[in-house]
Amino acid sequence: MTDDNIIYFSKEQSKINKIDASAVEVLCDIAGRHLDDVVILGSDKETGAIKMMTTQEDVADILFYLEVAKKAILDQGVHDGVDGEV
């Protein structure tokens, strides 16, 4: 199953885990090749505070992206992109 607004990693790529510092670099590289605008959410390495970076200047568009992502997660859950697997 694929969505236009979600990039799924293959099983080999999904071996990059949260502890691996290159995971953020890999994700940003993929996003740079495929997306026009991005909204990145994450936690600060030192404080754990939730931070956001975006190329989008319009707050309404940022909220739209977040709501679309929220709906996709609520409707389909988070999965690795393989049909039937969650």
Protein backbone atom coordinates (compact mmCIF):
# COMPACT_ATOMS: atom_id res chain seq x y z
CA MET A 1 0.00 0.00 0.00
CA THR A 2 1.35 3.45 -0.86
CA ASP A 3 0.22 7.01 -0.30
CA ASP A 4 1.29 10.04 -2.31
CA ASN A 5 2.19 11.83 0.91
CA ILE A 6 4.21 9.09 2.64
CA ILE A 7 7.58 7.69 1.62
CA TYR A 8 7.96 4.10 2.80
CA PHE A 9 11.37 2.57 3.33
CA SER A 10 12.08 -0.91 2.00
CA LYS A 11 12.92 -3.57 4.56
CA GLU A 12 16.66 -3.00 3.99
CA GLN A 13 16.34 0.76 4.46
CA SER A 14 14.12 0.33 7.51
CA LYS A 15 17.06 -1.26 9.33
CA ILE A 16 18.25 2.32 9.93
CA ASN A 17 16.99 2.86 13.46
CA LYS A 18 16.47 5.92 15.61
CA ILE A 19 19.84 5.48 17.32
CA ASP A 20 21.73 5.65 14.03
CA ALA A 21 22.67 9.29 13.42
CA SER A 22 22.57 8.76 9.66
CA ALA A 23 18.81 8.09 9.71
CA VAL A 24 18.03 11.83 9.71
CA GLU A 25 20.54 12.44 6.93
CA VAL A 26 19.07 9.62 4.82
CA LEU A 27 15.53 10.92 5.32
CA CYS A 28 16.53 14.48 4.42
CA ASP A 29 18.34 13.22 1.31
CA ILE A 30 15.25 11.30 0.16
CA ALA A 31 12.98 14.27 0.92
CA GLY A 32 15.29 16.60 -1.02
CA ARG A 33 15.04 14.41 -4.11
CA HIS A 34 11.26 13.87 -4.01
CA LEU A 35 9.51 16.77 -2.28
CA ASP A 36 8.96 20.46 -3.01
CA ASP A 37 8.00 21.46 0.54
CA VAL A 38 8.76 19.73 3.82
CA VAL A 39 7.64 19.87 7.42
CA ILE A 40 10.02 18.04 9.74
CA LEU A 41 9.11 17.25 13.34
CA GLY A 42 11.51 15.77 15.82
CA SER A 43 12.97 15.94 19.28
CA ASP A 44 16.03 17.96 20.23
CA LYS A 45 19.04 15.73 20.92
CA GLU A 46 19.96 17.58 24.10
CA THR A 47 16.67 18.69 25.66
CA GLY A 48 14.14 16.31 24.13
CA ALA A 49 11.92 19.30 23.26
CA ILE A 50 9.75 18.88 20.18
CA LYS A 51 11.08 21.01 17.32
CA MET A 52 9.87 21.76 13.80
CA MET A 53 11.66 22.85 10.64
CA THR A 54 9.86 23.69 7.43
CA THR A 55 10.36 25.14 3.99
CA GLN A 56 6.76 26.35 4.03
CA GLU A 57 6.20 29.96 5.10
CA ASP A 58 2.38 29.91 5.23
CA VAL A 59 1.08 28.72 8.61
CA ALA A 60 -2.17 27.53 7.01
CA ASP A 61 -0.22 25.28 4.63
CA ILE A 62 1.86 23.88 7.52
CA LEU A 63 -1.32 23.04 9.42
CA PHE A 64 -2.81 21.49 6.27
CA TYR A 65 0.23 19.20 5.87
CA LEU A 66 0.05 18.19 9.54
CA GLU A 67 -3.68 17.46 9.35
CA VAL A 68 -3.28 15.38 6.17
CA ALA A 69 -0.52 13.37 7.85
CA LYS A 70 -2.64 12.98 10.99
CA LYS A 71 -5.61 11.71 8.96
CA ALA A 72 -3.41 9.22 7.07
CA ILE A 73 -2.02 7.87 10.34
CA LEU A 74 -5.46 7.61 11.96
CA ASP A 75 -7.04 6.03 8.87
CA GLN A 76 -4.31 3.56 7.99
CA GLY A 77 -1.93 3.38 10.90
CA VAL A 78 1.81 3.43 10.61
CA HIS A 79 3.19 0.54 8.56
CA ASP A 80 6.16 -0.28 6.40
CA GLY A 81 4.33 0.03 3.10
CA VAL A 82 3.83 -3.70 2.52
CA ASP A 83 0.18 -4.59 1.97
CA GLY A 84 -1.37 -6.21 4.99
CA GLU A 85 1.54 -5.56 7.34
CA VAL A 86 1.25 -3.13 10.23
